[in-house]
Structure formats: structure tokens, C-alpha cells
Amino acid sequence: EEGRKEEEKNKEENVENEEEEEEEKEKEKEVKKKKMSPLCLDAAQNLRRRRDKLEEGGERRKKKTLEEGEEEEEEEKQKEERKRGRERGGQRSRRTNKKAEEEDENETLTHLQLEVPKAYARMVKLNAMPQPLRTFFWQPIGKSSFESTVVLKS
């Protein structure tokens, strides 16, 4: 029995030694082909070994199927969103228009902040004017020339 155990150990060691020799030969071949440093080759072989172990365990296959399933779900969601967008009649563009309007309002607000002191000064001047001139220069505030100039500037 002891002899058998020793023979089995020797066989295992021989197999391991042969594998190591094959790996070293592969390293040498790769070094000759790619002229890579030995450290890079060691790292590449370690990666290969890890891949092989994962393949043997089936974990890699499981990961692939999970990733493929997730990708398919994402594609289906995108297709559904496109269909919804078509059904809604382009609400996305409306949303982008709303965003653009908000940005325009922000810009007009900055212009208004710059223009308000001028408008206030104009109002004070109007109040200081006699009545006939005041009615001649007065303009209603709302969508008036004041706001239209602001919009044109933006």
C-alpha cells in the first residue's frame, strides 16, 4: 500500500512538473513572439488560470447568462420607452423645450436684474414729469417694449 501511495504521489508530481515545464515553454514562446517581460507573462498566465478555474466551476457561464439577461432587459426597457414616446406624441421634446424655456427665463431674469434699475429710474423720471408729458412717455408694463427688448437681448 505504501508503495502504491508513493507511486501515486510520484505520478502526481510528474504531472505537475510536466505542466510547469509546458507553462515555461509557453512563456518562452510568448517571450520570443511578443518580446514581453517575464512579469507580464506571469500575470497573463495567472489570468488564464483564473479563467480556467471559473470555467470549470461554471461561474463564468452563470455570470455571462446574467449579464446577457440584464442587457436584454435594458434593451426591452429602451424599446418600451421609445414606444411610449411615440404614443405620447413627443413629450420628450416638450420636456427639452421646458428646460430650454427655463434657461431662457433664467437669462431674462439676469437681464431683468440689469434692466430693473433703469426701469425704476425711468419711472422716477416719469413721476417727476408734468402730466401731459407723463402720458406721452408712459408705457404699460406687462408684455411691453421693456420686456420685448429683454427678450430680444437674450
N, C-alpha and C. Protein backbone atom coordinates (compact mmCIF):
# COMPACT_ATOMS: atom_id res chain seq x y z
N GLU A 1 0.82 -1.20 0.00
CA GLU A 1 0.00 0.00 0.00
C GLU A 1 0.87 1.26 0.00
N GLU A 2 1.92 1.24 0.82
CA GLU A 2 2.80 2.39 0.87
C GLU A 2 3.47 2.63 -0.47
N GLY A 3 3.82 1.57 -1.14
CA GLY A 3 4.45 1.67 -2.45
C GLY A 3 3.49 2.28 -3.46
N ARG A 4 2.23 1.87 -3.38
CA ARG A 4 1.23 2.42 -4.28
C ARG A 4 1.04 3.92 -4.03
N LYS A 5 0.97 4.28 -2.74
CA LYS A 5 0.80 5.70 -2.39
C LYS A 5 1.97 6.52 -2.92
N GLU A 6 3.17 5.99 -2.75
CA GLU A 6 4.36 6.69 -3.23
C GLU A 6 4.33 6.82 -4.75
N GLU A 7 3.92 5.75 -5.43
CA GLU A 7 3.83 5.79 -6.89
C GLU A 7 2.81 6.85 -7.34
N GLU A 8 1.66 6.91 -6.64
CA GLU A 8 0.63 7.90 -6.98
C GLU A 8 1.17 9.32 -6.76
N LYS A 9 1.87 9.50 -5.64
CA LYS A 9 2.46 10.81 -5.36
C LYS A 9 3.47 11.18 -6.45
N ASN A 10 4.30 10.21 -6.81
CA ASN A 10 5.30 10.46 -7.85
C ASN A 10 4.62 10.81 -9.18
N LYS A 11 3.54 10.09 -9.52
CA LYS A 11 2.81 10.38 -10.75
C LYS A 11 2.24 11.80 -10.72
N GLU A 12 1.64 12.14 -9.58
CA GLU A 12 1.08 13.50 -9.44
C GLU A 12 2.16 14.56 -9.58
N GLU A 13 3.29 14.31 -8.92
CA GLU A 13 4.40 15.26 -9.01
C GLU A 13 4.92 15.35 -10.44
N ASN A 14 5.00 14.20 -11.11
CA ASN A 14 5.46 14.20 -12.51
C ASN A 14 4.50 14.99 -13.38
N VAL A 15 3.19 14.80 -13.16
CA VAL A 15 2.19 15.53 -13.94
C VAL A 15 2.33 17.03 -13.69
N GLU A 16 2.48 17.41 -12.41
CA GLU A 16 2.65 18.82 -12.06
C GLU A 16 3.92 19.39 -12.68
N ASN A 17 5.00 18.62 -12.60
CA ASN A 17 6.27 19.07 -13.18
C ASN A 17 6.14 19.24 -14.69
N GLU A 18 5.46 18.29 -15.33
CA GLU A 18 5.27 18.40 -16.78
C GLU A 18 4.45 19.64 -17.13
N GLU A 19 3.40 19.90 -16.33
CA GLU A 19 2.58 21.08 -16.57
C GLU A 19 3.40 22.36 -16.42
N GLU A 20 4.23 22.39 -15.37
CA GLU A 20 5.08 23.56 -15.15
C GLU A 20 6.07 23.74 -16.30
N GLU A 21 6.64 22.62 -16.76
CA GLU A 21 7.58 22.70 -17.88
C GLU A 21 6.88 23.21 -19.13
N GLU A 22 5.66 22.71 -19.37
CA GLU A 22 4.89 23.18 -20.53
C GLU A 22 4.61 24.67 -20.42
N GLU A 23 4.26 25.10 -19.20
CA GLU A 23 4.00 26.53 -18.99
C GLU A 23 5.25 27.35 -19.25
N GLU A 24 6.39 26.86 -18.79
CA GLU A 24 7.64 27.58 -19.01
C GLU A 24 7.97 27.64 -20.50
N LYS A 25 7.71 26.54 -21.21
CA LYS A 25 7.94 26.54 -22.66
C LYS A 25 7.02 27.55 -23.34
N GLU A 26 5.76 27.57 -22.89
CA GLU A 26 4.81 28.54 -23.45
C GLU A 26 5.29 29.96 -23.18
N LYS A 27 5.80 30.18 -21.97
CA LYS A 27 6.32 31.50 -21.62
C LYS A 27 7.44 31.89 -22.58
N GLU A 28 8.35 30.96 -22.78
CA GLU A 28 9.49 31.25 -23.65
C GLU A 28 9.02 31.55 -25.07
N LYS A 29 8.03 30.76 -25.55
CA LYS A 29 7.50 31.01 -26.89
C LYS A 29 6.87 32.39 -26.98
N GLU A 30 6.09 32.73 -25.95
CA GLU A 30 5.43 34.03 -25.95
C GLU A 30 6.45 35.16 -25.85
N VAL A 31 7.50 34.93 -25.07
CA VAL A 31 8.54 35.95 -24.95
C VAL A 31 9.18 36.18 -26.32
N LYS A 32 9.42 35.08 -27.01
CA LYS A 32 10.03 35.22 -28.33
C LYS A 32 9.08 35.92 -29.29
N LYS A 33 7.79 35.54 -29.23
CA LYS A 33 6.81 36.14 -30.14
C LYS A 33 6.57 37.61 -29.82
N LYS A 34 6.25 37.86 -28.60
CA LYS A 34 5.81 39.21 -28.21
C LYS A 34 6.91 40.06 -27.60
N LYS A 35 8.00 39.41 -27.25
CA LYS A 35 9.10 40.10 -26.57
C LYS A 35 8.59 40.82 -25.32
N MET A 36 7.80 40.09 -24.53
CA MET A 36 7.24 40.66 -23.31
C MET A 36 8.15 40.33 -22.14
N SER A 37 8.00 41.11 -21.09
CA SER A 37 8.78 40.84 -19.89
C SER A 37 8.20 39.62 -19.19
N PRO A 38 9.02 38.90 -18.45
CA PRO A 38 8.53 37.70 -17.76
C PRO A 38 7.42 38.01 -16.76
N LEU A 39 7.47 39.18 -16.13
CA LEU A 39 6.42 39.53 -15.17
C LEU A 39 5.07 39.65 -15.86
N CYS A 40 5.06 40.25 -17.04
CA CYS A 40 3.81 40.38 -17.79
C CYS A 40 3.27 39.01 -18.16
N LEU A 41 4.17 38.13 -18.56
CA LEU A 41 3.74 36.79 -18.93
C LEU A 41 3.16 36.05 -17.72
N ASP A 42 3.80 36.23 -16.57
CA ASP A 42 3.27 35.60 -15.35
C ASP A 42 1.87 36.11 -15.07
N ALA A 43 1.68 37.40 -15.19
CA ALA A 43 0.36 37.98 -14.94
C ALA A 43 -0.66 37.43 -15.93
N ALA A 44 -0.27 37.31 -17.20
CA ALA A 44 -1.18 36.79 -18.21
C ALA A 44 -1.54 35.35 -17.91
N GLN A 45 -0.56 34.57 -17.50
CA GLN A 45 -0.85 33.17 -17.18
C GLN A 45 -1.75 33.06 -15.96
N ASN A 46 -1.52 33.92 -14.98
CA ASN A 46 -2.39 33.90 -13.80
C ASN A 46 -3.83 34.20 -14.20
N LEU A 47 -4.00 35.15 -15.09
CA LEU A 47 -5.35 35.47 -15.57
C LEU A 47 -5.97 34.28 -16.29
N ARG A 48 -5.16 33.60 -17.12
CA ARG A 48 -5.67 32.42 -17.82
C ARG A 48 -6.10 31.34 -16.83
N ARG A 49 -5.27 31.11 -15.82
CA ARG A 49 -5.60 30.09 -14.81
C ARG A 49 -6.91 30.42 -14.11
N ARG A 50 -7.06 31.68 -13.73
CA ARG A 50 -8.30 32.09 -13.07
C ARG A 50 -9.50 31.85 -13.98
N ARG A 51 -9.35 32.20 -15.26
CA ARG A 51 -10.43 31.98 -16.22
C ARG A 51 -10.78 30.51 -16.32
N ASP A 52 -9.73 29.68 -16.40
CA ASP A 52 -9.97 28.25 -16.50
C ASP A 52 -10.70 27.73 -15.27
N LYS A 53 -10.29 28.18 -14.09
CA LYS A 53 -10.96 27.74 -12.87
C LYS A 53 -12.42 28.17 -12.87
N LEU A 54 -12.67 29.41 -13.28
CA LEU A 54 -14.05 29.89 -13.32
C LEU A 54 -14.88 29.09 -14.32
N GLU A 55 -14.27 28.76 -15.46
CA GLU A 55 -15.00 27.98 -16.46
C GLU A 55 -15.32 26.60 -15.92
N GLU A 56 -14.35 26.01 -15.21
CA GLU A 56 -14.59 24.69 -14.66
C GLU A 56 -15.72 24.72 -13.65
N GLY A 57 -15.75 25.74 -12.82
CA GLY A 57 -16.80 25.85 -11.81
C GLY A 57 -18.14 26.25 -12.40
N GLY A 58 -18.13 26.74 -13.62
CA GLY A 58 -19.37 27.17 -14.25
C GLY A 58 -19.80 28.56 -13.82
N GLU A 59 -19.00 29.21 -12.99
CA GLU A 59 -19.38 30.54 -12.52
C GLU A 59 -19.35 31.55 -13.65
N ARG A 60 -18.40 31.37 -14.53
CA ARG A 60 -18.28 32.32 -15.64
C ARG A 60 -19.51 32.25 -16.53
N ARG A 61 -19.96 31.02 -16.77
CA ARG A 61 -21.15 30.85 -17.60
C ARG A 61 -22.35 31.51 -16.94
N LYS A 62 -22.46 31.33 -15.63
CA LYS A 62 -23.58 31.94 -14.91
C LYS A 62 -23.52 33.46 -15.04
N LYS A 63 -22.33 34.02 -14.88
CA LYS A 63 -22.17 35.47 -14.99
C LYS A 63 -22.56 35.94 -16.38
N LYS A 64 -22.13 35.18 -17.40
CA LYS A 64 -22.46 35.57 -18.77
C LYS A 64 -23.97 35.58 -18.98
N THR A 65 -24.63 34.54 -18.51
CA THR A 65 -26.08 34.48 -18.71
C THR A 65 -26.77 35.60 -17.96
N LEU A 66 -26.30 35.91 -16.75
CA LEU A 66 -26.89 37.02 -16.00
C LEU A 66 -26.69 38.33 -16.74
N GLU A 67 -25.47 38.56 -17.22
CA GLU A 67 -25.19 39.80 -17.94
C GLU A 67 -26.02 39.90 -19.21
N GLU A 68 -26.14 38.78 -19.93
CA GLU A 68 -26.94 38.79 -21.16
C GLU A 68 -28.40 39.08 -20.84
N GLY A 69 -28.90 38.48 -19.75
CA GLY A 69 -30.28 38.73 -19.34
C GLY A 69 -30.50 40.18 -18.98
N GLU A 70 -29.55 40.78 -18.27
CA GLU A 70 -29.67 42.19 -17.91
C GLU A 70 -29.64 43.07 -19.15
N GLU A 71 -28.76 42.75 -20.09
CA GLU A 71 -28.69 43.54 -21.32
C GLU A 71 -30.00 43.45 -22.09
N GLU A 72 -30.57 42.25 -22.15
CA GLU A 72 -31.85 42.09 -22.86
C GLU A 72 -32.95 42.89 -22.17
N GLU A 73 -32.96 42.88 -20.84
CA GLU A 73 -33.97 43.66 -20.12
C GLU A 73 -33.81 45.15 -20.40
N GLU A 74 -32.57 45.63 -20.40
CA GLU A 74 -32.34 47.04 -20.69
C GLU A 74 -32.80 47.40 -22.10
N GLU A 75 -32.52 46.52 -23.06
CA GLU A 75 -32.96 46.78 -24.43
C GLU A 75 -34.48 46.82 -24.51
N GLU A 76 -35.14 45.90 -23.80
CA GLU A 76 -36.61 45.90 -23.81
C GLU A 76 -37.15 47.18 -23.19
N LYS A 77 -36.55 47.63 -22.11
CA LYS A 77 -36.99 48.88 -21.47
C LYS A 77 -36.84 50.05 -22.43
N GLN A 78 -35.71 50.10 -23.13
CA GLN A 78 -35.49 51.18 -24.09
C GLN A 78 -36.53 51.15 -25.20
N LYS A 79 -36.85 49.94 -25.69
CA LYS A 79 -37.86 49.82 -26.74
C LYS A 79 -39.21 50.31 -26.23
N GLU A 80 -39.55 49.92 -24.99
CA GLU A 80 -40.83 50.37 -24.42
C GLU A 80 -40.86 51.89 -24.28
N GLU A 81 -39.75 52.47 -23.84
CA GLU A 81 -39.71 53.93 -23.71
C GLU A 81 -39.88 54.60 -25.07
N ARG A 82 -39.28 54.03 -26.09
CA ARG A 82 -39.44 54.59 -27.43
C ARG A 82 -40.90 54.53 -27.87
N LYS A 83 -41.54 53.37 -27.61
CA LYS A 83 -42.95 53.24 -27.98
C LYS A 83 -43.79 54.26 -27.22
N ARG A 84 -43.52 54.41 -25.93
CA ARG A 84 -44.26 55.39 -25.13
C ARG A 84 -44.07 56.79 -25.68
N GLY A 85 -42.83 57.09 -26.06
CA GLY A 85 -42.54 58.41 -26.63
C GLY A 85 -43.32 58.64 -27.90
N ARG A 86 -43.44 57.61 -28.72
CA ARG A 86 -44.22 57.75 -29.95
C ARG A 86 -45.69 57.96 -29.63
N GLU A 87 -46.19 57.20 -28.64
CA GLU A 87 -47.60 57.31 -28.28
C GLU A 87 -47.91 58.68 -27.68
N ARG A 88 -47.01 59.18 -26.90
CA ARG A 88 -47.23 60.48 -26.26
C ARG A 88 -47.16 61.63 -27.26
N GLY A 89 -46.59 61.37 -28.38
CA GLY A 89 -46.50 62.42 -29.38
C GLY A 89 -45.34 63.36 -29.11
N GLY A 90 -44.26 62.80 -28.63
CA GLY A 90 -43.06 63.62 -28.48
C GLY A 90 -43.04 64.43 -27.21
N GLN A 91 -43.40 63.83 -26.08
CA GLN A 91 -43.31 64.58 -24.83
C GLN A 91 -41.87 64.86 -24.45
N ARG A 92 -40.98 64.04 -24.95
CA ARG A 92 -39.57 64.30 -24.66
C ARG A 92 -39.17 65.67 -25.18
N SER A 93 -39.61 65.96 -26.40
CA SER A 93 -39.26 67.26 -26.96
C SER A 93 -39.88 68.37 -26.13
N ARG A 94 -41.08 68.11 -25.62
CA ARG A 94 -41.71 69.12 -24.76
C ARG A 94 -40.88 69.34 -23.51
N ARG A 95 -40.40 68.22 -22.96
CA ARG A 95 -39.56 68.35 -21.76
C ARG A 95 -38.31 69.16 -22.07
N THR A 96 -37.69 68.85 -23.17
CA THR A 96 -36.49 69.61 -23.52
C THR A 96 -36.86 71.06 -23.78
N ASN A 97 -38.05 71.29 -24.37
CA ASN A 97 -38.49 72.67 -24.58
C ASN A 97 -38.69 73.37 -23.25
N LYS A 98 -39.24 72.64 -22.27
CA LYS A 98 -39.43 73.24 -20.94
C LYS A 98 -38.08 73.62 -20.35
N LYS A 99 -37.11 72.72 -20.50
CA LYS A 99 -35.78 73.03 -19.98
C LYS A 99 -35.21 74.25 -20.68
N ALA A 100 -35.39 74.31 -21.98
CA ALA A 100 -34.89 75.46 -22.73
C ALA A 100 -35.59 76.73 -22.29
N GLU A 101 -36.92 76.64 -22.06
CA GLU A 101 -37.66 77.81 -21.59
C GLU A 101 -37.16 78.26 -20.23
N GLU A 102 -36.88 77.29 -19.34
CA GLU A 102 -36.36 77.64 -18.02
C GLU A 102 -35.02 78.36 -18.15
N GLU A 103 -34.17 77.85 -19.03
CA GLU A 103 -32.89 78.51 -19.23
C GLU A 103 -33.09 79.92 -19.78
N ASP A 104 -34.02 80.07 -20.73
CA ASP A 104 -34.31 81.39 -21.27
C ASP A 104 -34.82 82.32 -20.18
N GLU A 105 -35.70 81.78 -19.31
CA GLU A 105 -36.21 82.60 -18.21
C GLU A 105 -35.09 83.03 -17.29
N ASN A 106 -34.17 82.10 -17.02
CA ASN A 106 -33.03 82.46 -16.18
C ASN A 106 -32.21 83.57 -16.83
N GLU A 107 -32.00 83.46 -18.14
CA GLU A 107 -31.25 84.51 -18.83
C GLU A 107 -32.01 85.83 -18.79
N THR A 108 -33.33 85.77 -19.03
CA THR A 108 -34.11 87.01 -19.00
C THR A 108 -34.13 87.58 -17.60
N LEU A 109 -34.11 86.72 -16.59
CA LEU A 109 -34.07 87.23 -15.22
C LEU A 109 -32.77 88.00 -14.99
N THR A 110 -31.67 87.47 -15.50
CA THR A 110 -30.43 88.22 -15.32
C THR A 110 -30.50 89.54 -16.05
N HIS A 111 -31.08 89.53 -17.26
CA HIS A 111 -31.25 90.79 -17.99
C HIS A 111 -32.18 91.73 -17.24
N LEU A 112 -33.25 91.15 -16.66
CA LEU A 112 -34.18 91.99 -15.90
C LEU A 112 -33.47 92.62 -14.71
N GLN A 113 -32.64 91.82 -14.04
CA GLN A 113 -31.93 92.37 -12.90
C GLN A 113 -31.04 93.53 -13.33
N LEU A 114 -30.49 93.42 -14.52
CA LEU A 114 -29.68 94.53 -15.01
C LEU A 114 -30.54 95.71 -15.44
N GLU A 115 -31.74 95.41 -15.98
CA GLU A 115 -32.58 96.45 -16.54
C GLU A 115 -33.50 97.10 -15.51
N VAL A 116 -33.77 96.44 -14.40
CA VAL A 116 -34.72 96.98 -13.42
C VAL A 116 -34.29 98.34 -12.90
N PRO A 117 -33.03 98.55 -12.55
CA PRO A 117 -32.66 99.90 -12.10
C PRO A 117 -32.95 100.96 -13.15
N LYS A 118 -32.73 100.62 -14.42
CA LYS A 118 -33.03 101.58 -15.49
C LYS A 118 -34.52 101.86 -15.54
N ALA A 119 -35.32 100.80 -15.43
CA ALA A 119 -36.77 100.96 -15.47
C ALA A 119 -37.24 101.79 -14.28
N TYR A 120 -36.65 101.52 -13.12
CA TYR A 120 -37.02 102.28 -11.93
C TYR A 120 -36.67 103.75 -12.11
N ALA A 121 -35.49 104.01 -12.66
CA ALA A 121 -35.08 105.40 -12.91
C ALA A 121 -36.03 106.06 -13.89
N ARG A 122 -36.44 105.30 -14.92
CA ARG A 122 -37.37 105.84 -15.90
C ARG A 122 -38.72 106.17 -15.24
N MET A 123 -39.15 105.27 -14.32
CA MET A 123 -40.41 105.50 -13.62
C MET A 123 -40.32 106.77 -12.76
N VAL A 124 -39.18 106.94 -12.10
CA VAL A 124 -39.00 108.13 -11.27
C VAL A 124 -39.03 109.38 -12.14
N LYS A 125 -38.37 109.28 -13.30
CA LYS A 125 -38.39 110.43 -14.22
C LYS A 125 -39.81 110.73 -14.67
N LEU A 126 -40.56 109.66 -14.97
CA LEU A 126 -41.94 109.86 -15.41
C LEU A 126 -42.77 110.53 -14.32
N ASN A 127 -42.55 110.10 -13.08
CA ASN A 127 -43.31 110.69 -11.99
C ASN A 127 -42.93 112.15 -11.78
N ALA A 128 -41.69 112.48 -12.11
CA ALA A 128 -41.25 113.86 -11.94
C ALA A 128 -41.75 114.77 -13.06
N MET A 129 -42.17 114.15 -14.18
CA MET A 129 -42.62 114.96 -15.32
C MET A 129 -44.01 115.52 -15.08
N PRO A 130 -44.33 116.61 -15.72
CA PRO A 130 -45.71 117.10 -15.67
C PRO A 130 -46.65 116.13 -16.38
N GLN A 131 -47.94 116.18 -16.07
CA GLN A 131 -48.92 115.21 -16.54
C GLN A 131 -48.96 115.02 -18.06
N PRO A 132 -48.98 116.06 -18.88
CA PRO A 132 -49.08 115.82 -20.33
C PRO A 132 -47.88 115.03 -20.88
N LEU A 133 -46.69 115.35 -20.41
CA LEU A 133 -45.52 114.61 -20.86
C LEU A 133 -45.53 113.18 -20.33
N ARG A 134 -46.00 113.02 -19.08
CA ARG A 134 -46.04 111.70 -18.47
C ARG A 134 -46.91 110.76 -19.30
N THR A 135 -48.07 111.19 -19.75
CA THR A 135 -48.93 110.32 -20.55
C THR A 135 -48.29 110.02 -21.90
N PHE A 136 -47.51 110.95 -22.42
CA PHE A 136 -46.86 110.73 -23.70
C PHE A 136 -45.76 109.67 -23.60
N PHE A 137 -44.95 109.72 -22.52
CA PHE A 137 -43.84 108.79 -22.37
C PHE A 137 -44.22 107.48 -21.68
N TRP A 138 -45.38 107.45 -21.05
CA TRP A 138 -45.73 106.27 -20.27
C TRP A 138 -46.06 105.10 -21.17
N GLN A 139 -45.57 103.91 -20.78
CA GLN A 139 -45.93 102.67 -21.49
C GLN A 139 -46.38 101.66 -20.45
N PRO A 140 -47.42 100.91 -20.75
CA PRO A 140 -47.89 99.93 -19.77
C PRO A 140 -46.85 98.83 -19.58
N ILE A 141 -46.66 98.43 -18.32
CA ILE A 141 -45.70 97.37 -18.02
C ILE A 141 -46.47 96.06 -18.05
N GLY A 142 -45.96 95.10 -18.68
CA GLY A 142 -46.56 93.80 -18.93
C GLY A 142 -45.73 93.24 -20.05
N LYS A 143 -46.37 92.81 -21.09
CA LYS A 143 -45.61 92.44 -22.28
C LYS A 143 -45.44 93.70 -23.11
N SER A 144 -44.56 94.55 -22.66
CA SER A 144 -44.38 95.85 -23.30
C SER A 144 -43.04 95.90 -23.99
N SER A 145 -42.69 97.07 -24.43
CA SER A 145 -41.40 97.23 -25.11
C SER A 145 -40.26 96.89 -24.17
N PHE A 146 -40.46 97.11 -22.87
CA PHE A 146 -39.41 96.80 -21.89
C PHE A 146 -39.07 95.31 -21.93
N GLU A 147 -40.10 94.46 -21.83
CA GLU A 147 -39.85 93.03 -21.84
C GLU A 147 -39.43 92.54 -23.21
N SER A 148 -39.98 93.13 -24.25
CA SER A 148 -39.59 92.69 -25.59
C SER A 148 -38.12 92.99 -25.84
N THR A 149 -37.63 94.12 -25.32
CA THR A 149 -36.21 94.41 -25.50
C THR A 149 -35.38 93.40 -24.74
N VAL A 150 -35.86 92.99 -23.57
CA VAL A 150 -35.12 92.00 -22.79
C VAL A 150 -35.08 90.69 -23.55
N VAL A 151 -36.21 90.29 -24.11
CA VAL A 151 -36.25 89.03 -24.85
C VAL A 151 -35.36 89.10 -26.08
N LEU A 152 -35.36 90.23 -26.75
CA LEU A 152 -34.52 90.37 -27.93
C LEU A 152 -33.04 90.31 -27.56
N LYS A 153 -32.69 90.85 -26.40
CA LYS A 153 -31.29 90.81 -25.99
C LYS A 153 -30.86 89.39 -25.68
N SER A 154 -31.74 88.57 -25.14
CA SER A 154 -31.38 87.19 -24.83
C SER A 154 -31.42 86.38 -26.10
